[in-house]
Protein backbone atom coordinates (compact mmCIF):
# COMPACT_ATOMS: atom_id res chain seq x y z
CA MET A 1 25.50 13.89 14.04
CA ASN A 2 26.04 10.54 13.66
CA LYS A 3 24.13 8.85 11.77
CA ILE A 4 22.01 5.77 11.40
CA LYS A 5 23.67 2.92 9.07
CA PHE A 6 20.93 1.38 6.89
CA ASP A 7 22.19 -1.60 4.82
CA ILE A 8 20.33 -1.91 1.59
CA SER A 9 20.42 -5.45 1.17
CA GLU A 10 19.81 -6.52 4.50
CA ASN A 11 16.20 -8.26 3.59
CA ARG A 12 17.48 -8.87 -0.31
CA GLU A 13 17.67 -12.10 0.05
CA LEU A 14 14.53 -13.48 1.67
CA GLU A 15 12.69 -11.34 -0.08
CA ILE A 16 13.85 -13.03 -3.56
CA GLN A 17 13.56 -16.33 -1.93
CA LEU A 18 10.34 -15.81 -0.41
CA HIS A 19 8.58 -14.10 -3.98
CA ASP A 20 11.11 -15.58 -6.72
CA PHE A 21 11.86 -11.96 -8.18
CA LYS A 22 13.06 -11.68 -11.74
CA ASN A 23 14.84 -9.06 -13.49
CA ILE A 24 15.74 -7.47 -10.17
CA ASP A 25 19.14 -6.91 -11.22
CA ILE A 26 18.89 -5.12 -13.92
CA GLU A 27 19.62 -1.14 -14.41
CA TYR A 28 16.80 0.78 -14.15
CA VAL A 29 15.19 4.60 -13.93
CA PHE A 30 12.60 4.47 -11.10
CA TYR A 31 10.66 7.61 -11.04
CA TYR A 32 8.24 8.32 -7.77
CA ASP A 33 5.38 10.42 -6.79
CA GLU A 34 2.36 9.17 -3.56
CA THR A 35 -0.92 9.54 -2.98
CA ASN A 36 -3.02 9.40 0.92
CA ASN A 37 0.89 10.37 2.31
CA ILE A 38 -0.33 10.60 5.96
CA ARG A 39 3.21 10.94 7.34
CA LYS A 40 2.32 9.52 10.74
CA PHE A 41 -0.52 7.57 12.39
CA TRP A 42 -1.57 7.91 16.02
CA LEU A 43 -4.84 7.88 18.60
CA LYS A 44 -5.24 11.53 19.51
CA ASN A 45 -7.51 9.39 22.42
CA GLU A 46 -9.95 6.66 23.51
CA SER A 47 -12.34 7.15 20.34
CA ILE A 48 -10.18 8.95 17.32
CA PHE A 49 -6.74 9.06 15.30
CA ASN A 50 -4.92 11.67 14.25
CA ILE A 51 -7.07 11.36 10.52
CA PRO A 52 -10.70 11.24 10.09
CA ILE A 53 -11.84 7.22 9.87
CA GLU A 54 -13.47 7.81 6.68
CA ASN A 55 -10.38 8.22 5.43
CA LEU A 56 -9.05 4.94 5.87
CA SER A 57 -9.95 3.34 2.70
CA LYS A 58 -7.34 6.19 1.32
CA ASN A 59 -3.92 3.49 1.16
CA PHE A 60 -0.80 4.95 1.28
CA VAL A 61 0.13 4.44 -2.75
CA LEU A 62 4.27 5.18 -3.61
CA GLY A 63 5.48 4.69 -7.15
CA GLY A 64 5.36 5.77 -10.74
CA VAL A 65 6.93 4.49 -13.90
CA SER A 66 10.39 3.29 -14.43
CA HIS A 67 12.57 2.43 -17.61
CA LEU A 68 15.69 0.50 -18.34
CA THR A 69 18.58 3.36 -17.88
CA GLU A 70 19.54 3.16 -22.02
CA ASN A 71 15.61 4.35 -22.49
CA ILE A 72 15.42 8.19 -22.07
CA ASP A 73 13.49 9.83 -24.39
CA PHE A 74 10.12 9.59 -23.99
CA ASP A 75 8.57 12.38 -25.88
CA THR A 76 6.87 13.92 -23.20
CA ALA A 77 6.15 17.07 -25.34
CA THR A 78 3.70 15.66 -27.75
CA LEU A 79 2.00 13.85 -24.26
CA LYS A 80 1.16 17.42 -23.38
CA ASN A 81 -0.33 17.89 -26.16
CA ASN A 82 -2.27 15.76 -27.03
CA LEU A 83 -3.78 15.84 -23.50
CA ASN A 84 -5.00 19.99 -24.96
CA LEU A 85 -4.20 21.28 -21.22
CA GLN A 86 -4.47 24.94 -20.46
CA SER A 87 -0.88 27.25 -21.83
CA ASN A 88 -1.16 28.34 -17.55
CA ILE A 89 -0.14 24.24 -16.36
CA LYS A 90 3.06 24.18 -15.59
CA GLU A 91 2.67 20.43 -13.92
CA ILE A 92 0.48 17.95 -15.29
CA LYS A 93 -1.19 15.99 -12.41
CA LEU A 94 -4.12 13.78 -12.52
CA LYS A 95 -6.38 16.14 -12.20
CA HIS A 96 -5.76 18.01 -15.26
CA ILE A 97 -7.12 14.79 -16.68
CA ALA A 98 -10.08 12.95 -14.73
CA LYS A 99 -11.81 14.05 -11.40
CA GLY A 100 -14.04 12.00 -9.13
CA ASP A 101 -14.10 8.69 -7.69
CA PHE A 102 -12.20 5.84 -9.13
CA LEU A 103 -15.44 4.97 -11.74
CA SER A 104 -15.54 8.77 -12.49
CA CYS A 105 -12.14 9.03 -13.94
CA LEU A 106 -12.80 6.08 -16.14
CA LYS A 107 -14.88 8.07 -18.27
CA SER A 108 -12.41 10.74 -18.90
CA THR A 109 -11.28 10.98 -22.77
CA LYS A 110 -7.90 12.74 -21.92
CA LEU A 111 -6.87 9.68 -19.56
CA GLU A 112 -7.23 6.82 -22.28
CA THR A 113 -4.92 9.34 -24.52
CA PHE A 114 -2.51 9.62 -21.20
CA LEU A 115 -2.68 5.26 -21.14
CA ASP A 116 -2.39 4.52 -24.87
CA TRP A 117 0.80 6.77 -24.24
CA LEU A 118 1.83 5.33 -21.61
CA ILE A 119 1.19 1.68 -23.35
CA SER A 120 3.06 3.07 -25.96
CA LYS A 121 5.97 4.42 -24.23
CA ASP A 122 9.39 1.18 -23.18
CA LEU A 123 7.90 2.61 -19.48
CA PHE A 124 6.61 0.37 -16.37
CA ILE A 125 4.52 0.96 -13.62
CA HIS A 126 5.58 0.17 -10.45
CA TYR A 127 4.29 1.07 -6.57
CA SER A 128 4.07 0.18 -3.08
CA ASN A 129 -0.03 -0.01 -1.58
CA LEU A 130 -0.54 0.27 2.16
CA ASN A 131 -3.71 -0.16 3.53
CA ILE A 132 -2.95 1.67 7.27
CA LEU A 133 -5.58 0.55 9.32
CA TYR A 134 -4.40 -3.91 8.81
CA TRP A 135 -0.65 -2.45 8.85
CA SER A 136 -0.51 -1.21 12.58
CA CYS A 137 -2.92 -3.65 13.54
CA ILE A 138 -2.00 -6.73 12.15
CA ASP A 139 1.07 -6.71 14.81
CA ILE A 140 -0.99 -8.38 17.50
CA LEU A 141 -0.79 -11.28 15.32
CA GLU A 142 2.67 -11.37 14.49
CA SER A 143 3.43 -11.01 17.92
CA ILE A 144 2.10 -14.32 18.86
CA LEU A 145 1.52 -16.68 15.40
CA PRO A 146 3.14 -19.83 16.18
CA GLN A 147 5.15 -21.07 13.49
CA GLU A 148 2.78 -23.98 12.28
CA PHE A 149 0.36 -21.30 11.04
CA PHE A 150 2.48 -19.56 8.73
CA GLU A 151 0.88 -21.14 5.63
CA ILE A 152 -2.33 -19.40 6.62
CA HIS A 153 -1.19 -16.36 8.69
CA MET A 154 -2.81 -13.98 5.76
CA GLU A 155 -6.44 -15.69 5.86
CA LEU A 156 -5.54 -15.42 9.77
CA LYS A 157 -4.44 -11.48 9.86
CA THR A 158 -7.26 -11.03 7.44
CA ILE A 159 -9.96 -12.35 9.49
CA LEU A 160 -8.51 -10.06 12.81
CA TYR A 161 -8.54 -6.88 10.11
CA GLU A 162 -12.29 -7.18 9.50
CA LEU A 163 -13.24 -7.94 12.64
CA ILE A 164 -11.65 -5.02 13.51
CA LYS A 165 -13.86 -2.76 11.02
CA ILE A 166 -17.23 -4.09 12.36
CA ASP A 167 -16.16 -2.49 15.91
CA LEU A 168 -13.82 0.15 15.13
CA ASN A 169 -14.80 2.82 17.90
CA ASN A 170 -14.47 -0.48 20.31
CA PHE A 171 -11.16 -1.56 19.19
CA ILE A 172 -9.42 1.69 19.24
CA SER A 173 -10.73 2.27 23.18
CA ILE A 174 -8.92 -0.84 23.84
CA LEU A 175 -6.04 0.28 21.84
CA TYR A 176 -6.10 3.84 23.79
CA LYS A 177 -6.53 2.13 27.31
CA TYR A 178 -3.55 0.12 26.70
CA GLU A 179 -1.13 2.39 25.21
CA TYR A 180 -0.93 0.30 22.09
CA PRO A 181 2.04 -0.68 20.69
CA ASN A 182 3.59 0.33 23.63
CA ILE A 183 1.71 -2.87 25.93
CA ASP A 184 2.83 -2.70 29.41
CA ARG A 185 4.08 -6.22 30.42
CA LYS A 186 2.10 -6.39 33.57
CA LYS A 187 -1.05 -5.24 31.72
CA ALA A 188 -0.72 -8.19 28.54
CA ASN A 189 -2.42 -10.51 29.68
CA TYR A 190 -5.67 -8.20 30.48
CA PHE A 191 -4.81 -6.34 26.39
CA LEU A 192 -5.07 -9.57 25.60
CA ASP A 193 -7.96 -10.69 27.48
CA GLU A 194 -9.83 -7.67 25.81
CA ILE A 195 -9.12 -8.66 22.35
CA LEU A 196 -10.62 -11.76 22.84
CA SER A 197 -13.75 -10.20 24.71
CA PHE A 198 -13.47 -8.45 21.19
CA ILE A 199 -13.60 -10.81 18.87
CA LYS A 200 -16.29 -13.10 20.74
CA SER A 201 -19.24 -10.15 20.90
CA ASN A 202 -18.49 -9.62 16.89
CA LYS A 203 -18.27 -12.81 15.82
CA PRO A 204 -22.18 -13.04 15.13
CA LYS A 205 -21.84 -9.85 12.77
CA PHE A 206 -18.22 -11.22 11.05
CA ILE A 207 -20.30 -14.40 10.34
CA SER A 208 -23.49 -12.90 8.89
CA LYS A 209 -21.00 -9.98 7.10
CA HIS A 210 -18.87 -12.49 5.30
CA PRO A 211 -20.84 -15.67 4.89
CA PHE A 212 -18.15 -17.49 2.81
CA ILE A 213 -15.27 -17.28 4.80
CA ASP A 214 -14.54 -20.36 7.25
CA THR A 215 -15.52 -19.68 11.53
CA ASN A 216 -13.23 -22.24 12.59
CA LEU A 217 -10.44 -19.56 11.52
CA VAL A 218 -12.18 -16.65 13.48
CA ASP A 219 -11.69 -19.52 16.37
CA LEU A 220 -8.53 -20.90 15.50
CA ILE A 221 -7.59 -16.76 16.07
CA TYR A 222 -9.38 -17.12 19.82
CA SER A 223 -7.37 -19.79 20.52
CA ILE A 224 -3.58 -18.44 19.56
CA ILE A 225 -4.19 -15.48 21.51
CA GLU A 226 -5.65 -17.16 24.47
CA ASN A 227 -2.49 -19.77 24.45
CA SER A 228 -0.51 -16.32 24.15
CA LYS A 229 -1.13 -15.13 27.82
CA ASN A 230 2.00 -14.55 29.58
CA THR A 231 4.38 -14.50 26.38
CA GLU A 232 6.35 -11.94 25.15
CA LEU A 233 3.95 -9.68 22.72
CA THR A 234 7.52 -9.04 20.16
CA PHE A 235 5.91 -6.14 17.90
CA ILE A 236 3.68 -4.13 20.38
CA MET A 237 6.35 -3.50 23.41
CA ASP A 238 8.41 -1.03 23.96
CA GLU A 239 7.32 1.22 21.29
CA GLU A 240 6.07 5.08 21.44
CA SER A 241 2.70 5.01 22.93
CA HIS A 242 -0.10 5.26 20.72
CA VAL A 243 1.62 5.93 17.74
CA LEU A 244 0.66 3.56 14.92
CA ILE A 245 2.92 4.26 12.10
CA ASP A 246 5.74 6.61 12.76
CA ASP A 247 6.68 7.37 9.02
CA LEU A 248 6.46 5.44 6.02
CA SER A 249 10.06 5.95 5.16
CA ILE A 250 10.41 2.42 5.03
CA PHE A 251 7.96 1.67 1.81
CA TYR A 252 11.17 4.44 0.02
CA LYS A 253 13.94 2.55 1.63
CA ARG A 254 12.70 -0.70 0.24
CA PRO A 255 13.35 -0.59 -3.54
CA PHE A 256 17.51 0.59 -2.92
CA GLY A 257 17.83 -2.58 -1.75
CA ILE A 258 15.31 -5.11 -4.16
CA PHE A 259 17.09 -2.62 -7.23
CA LYS A 260 20.21 -2.08 -6.18
CA ASN A 261 21.80 -1.78 -9.58
CA SER A 262 19.14 1.06 -10.18
CA LYS A 263 18.62 4.99 -10.04
CA HIS A 264 15.58 6.02 -7.87
CA ILE A 265 14.21 9.63 -8.40
CA PHE A 266 11.75 10.39 -6.10
CA ASP A 267 9.60 14.13 -5.62
CA GLU A 268 10.72 16.07 -3.62
CA GLU A 269 8.93 15.27 0.13
CA SER A 270 10.58 16.98 3.00
CA SER A 271 9.26 14.72 6.06
CA ILE A 272 11.24 11.93 4.11
CA GLN A 273 14.02 13.87 3.13
CA ASP A 274 14.55 14.94 7.03
CA VAL A 275 14.41 11.22 7.57
CA PHE A 276 16.76 10.09 4.78
CA ASN A 277 19.05 12.62 6.19
CA LYS A 278 19.58 11.05 9.07
CA TRP A 279 20.27 7.69 7.49
CA SER A 280 23.82 6.44 6.06
CA PHE A 281 23.24 3.90 3.19
CA PHE A 282 26.10 0.67 2.46
CA GLU A 283 25.95 -1.93 0.19
CA SER A 284 28.34 -4.49 1.06
CA GLY A 285 30.01 -2.60 3.17
CA LYS A 286 30.22 -0.01 0.82
CA GLU A 287 28.54 3.54 0.95
CA TRP A 288 25.08 3.73 -1.18
CA GLU A 289 23.31 6.34 -2.91
CA ASN A 290 21.87 5.73 -5.74
CA PHE A 291 19.06 8.15 -5.26
CA GLU A 292 18.07 11.61 -5.58
CA PHE A 293 14.90 14.13 -4.58
CA GLN A 294 13.83 16.40 -7.53
CA ASN A 295 10.91 19.21 -7.72
CA SER A 296 7.91 17.38 -9.65
CA GLU A 297 7.94 20.67 -12.20
CA THR A 298 11.48 20.12 -13.66
CA ASN A 299 10.75 16.53 -13.85
CA ASP A 300 8.22 14.95 -16.56
CA LEU A 301 8.12 11.64 -15.58
CA ILE A 302 7.82 12.46 -11.85
CA GLN A 303 4.36 14.13 -13.39
CA VAL A 304 3.31 10.86 -15.14
CA SER A 305 3.72 9.14 -11.98
CA ASP A 306 1.77 11.92 -10.00
CA ILE A 307 -1.20 10.70 -12.52
CA ILE A 308 -0.88 6.65 -12.54
CA ILE A 309 -0.39 6.60 -8.60
CA GLY A 310 -2.81 8.96 -8.32
CA LEU A 311 -4.82 7.09 -10.36
CA LEU A 312 -3.83 3.49 -8.49
CA GLY A 313 -4.75 5.08 -5.08
CA LYS A 314 -8.56 5.89 -6.18
CA LEU A 315 -8.96 1.99 -7.40
CA PHE A 316 -7.87 0.52 -4.20
CA GLU A 317 -9.79 3.42 -2.20
CA TYR A 318 -13.07 1.84 -4.46
CA LEU A 319 -12.13 -1.89 -3.54
CA ASN A 320 -12.36 -0.84 -0.32
CA ASP A 321 -15.49 0.90 -0.14
CA VAL A 322 -17.35 -1.72 -2.87
CA SER A 323 -19.39 -4.72 -1.66
CA PHE A 324 -19.08 -8.12 -3.60
CA ASP A 325 -22.52 -7.48 -4.57
CA GLU A 326 -22.11 -4.60 -6.30
CA LEU A 327 -18.69 -5.75 -8.01
CA ASN A 328 -21.17 -8.60 -9.08
CA LYS A 329 -23.33 -5.79 -10.97
CA ILE A 330 -20.20 -4.09 -12.24
CA ASN A 331 -20.85 -4.41 -15.75
CA SER A 332 -24.25 -3.00 -15.97
CA ILE A 333 -23.23 -0.24 -14.36
CA LEU A 334 -19.62 0.67 -16.63
CA GLU A 335 -20.02 2.43 -19.95
CA ALA A 336 -17.76 1.29 -22.65
CA GLN A 337 -14.94 4.09 -22.27
CA GLN A 338 -14.74 3.26 -18.35
CA ILE A 339 -14.38 -0.46 -19.36
CA ASN A 340 -11.59 0.37 -22.18
CA ASN A 341 -9.56 3.21 -20.05
CA PHE A 342 -9.55 -0.19 -17.22
CA ASP A 343 -8.49 -2.41 -19.69
CA LYS A 344 -5.56 -0.01 -20.87
CA ILE A 345 -5.24 -0.33 -16.68
CA LEU A 346 -4.73 -3.84 -16.72
CA ILE A 347 -2.12 -3.78 -19.69
CA LEU A 348 -0.08 -1.48 -18.38
CA ILE A 349 -0.05 -3.95 -14.69
CA ASP A 350 0.03 -7.21 -17.22
CA LYS A 351 3.14 -5.37 -18.86
CA SER A 352 5.12 -4.60 -15.93
CA ASP A 353 4.61 -7.74 -13.80
CA SER A 354 5.69 -9.93 -16.76
CA GLN A 355 8.80 -7.67 -16.21
CA SER A 356 9.22 -8.25 -12.58
CA THR A 357 6.61 -8.94 -10.02
CA ALA A 358 8.96 -7.21 -7.66
CA PHE A 359 7.35 -3.64 -9.84
CA ILE A 360 4.24 -4.48 -7.29
CA HIS A 361 3.86 -4.56 -4.03
CA SER A 362 1.63 -4.44 -1.42
CA ILE A 363 -0.03 -4.78 2.31
CA HIS A 364 -3.30 -5.63 2.23
CA SER A 365 -5.79 -8.01 2.75
CA LEU A 366 -7.24 -10.57 1.04
CA ILE A 367 -10.17 -9.33 0.83
CA GLU A 368 -8.48 -6.38 -1.14
CA ARG A 369 -6.78 -9.11 -3.48
CA ASP A 370 -10.20 -11.31 -3.98
CA LYS A 371 -12.61 -7.78 -4.70
CA LEU A 372 -9.68 -6.85 -7.08
CA VAL A 373 -10.10 -10.75 -8.91
CA LEU A 374 -13.90 -10.61 -8.72
CA LEU A 375 -13.96 -7.38 -10.81
CA LEU A 376 -11.55 -8.55 -13.23
CA THR A 377 -13.20 -12.13 -14.15
CA ASN A 378 -16.98 -9.98 -14.16
CA LEU A 379 -15.36 -7.23 -16.66
CA ASN A 380 -13.95 -10.38 -18.94
CA LYS A 381 -17.21 -11.89 -19.14
């Protein structure tokens, strides 16, 4: 079988220029686990996806811990002993340390023990955080957005996403009708007309829900779409009908190029391994393979990655579901133990971000980012 050639450095320089990454040529060892791995995302019919709508607030998160190559002994035996786990547990997971939603997890004293251990070691955390619905739908704007609006592209995509969430059922029916993301060129204008009608009918609800967002930006989106008639819809044509995400392998491959001098160790994941088996990886014309898949039962730092990524997955789900009003009351809701654990999570994120901003990667709306900022602001009052 002829394998597909993939240059791991293809987009490296562009990302470095866009994000001003530092410390990415250093040799690290990365360990990975994931949460909410949907593997594939598609429209089953005109009213439902292959996953329940209520699960769309659960972001896919891939990542874990990393360290400099010279640091190899992290005394995980002491961690396991301090957690006082049952003797029959072969593999530590988040459920052994904390249970429930994010705020419930923060009540756990075992979580504090785990976070204290992690902070005390020469370990960084890293992750890619993906809002599945957001990523699936923003190609509508990505396909038609004029260059002059690039500086506000995140604001525009966030607004479209928020409009979609207000009337998701009707939006799904439009996508299914036009076999999104495989829009027939002869039907492209009809598709855009229905999106325009969708925006127009949901604008009042959007204004009511988001009174502080500039409504002129809604009108700008409307104008951009209206002026895109008879143009090529670059990213939503010539694709597989009704398949919004074919696989998530891009998030597994992305770190290869950014941290090309590092070693990447993934938890075994058959769907990703099957995809990787179809590729040949190259760097500067030379065959490259600095990754491997290991059974998490035999690798303690993959188990540590499971815990931190599971916890972050719950954090991002919480941010998707919580309202700004609820966040403004957060200090009256949380107990001292919860605030203490959350502070430790922030210490880990800050430590890692200071080492390299490339450790933290998110594809989500500005609303999610603003909620996280508000949460941090209110907890630090």
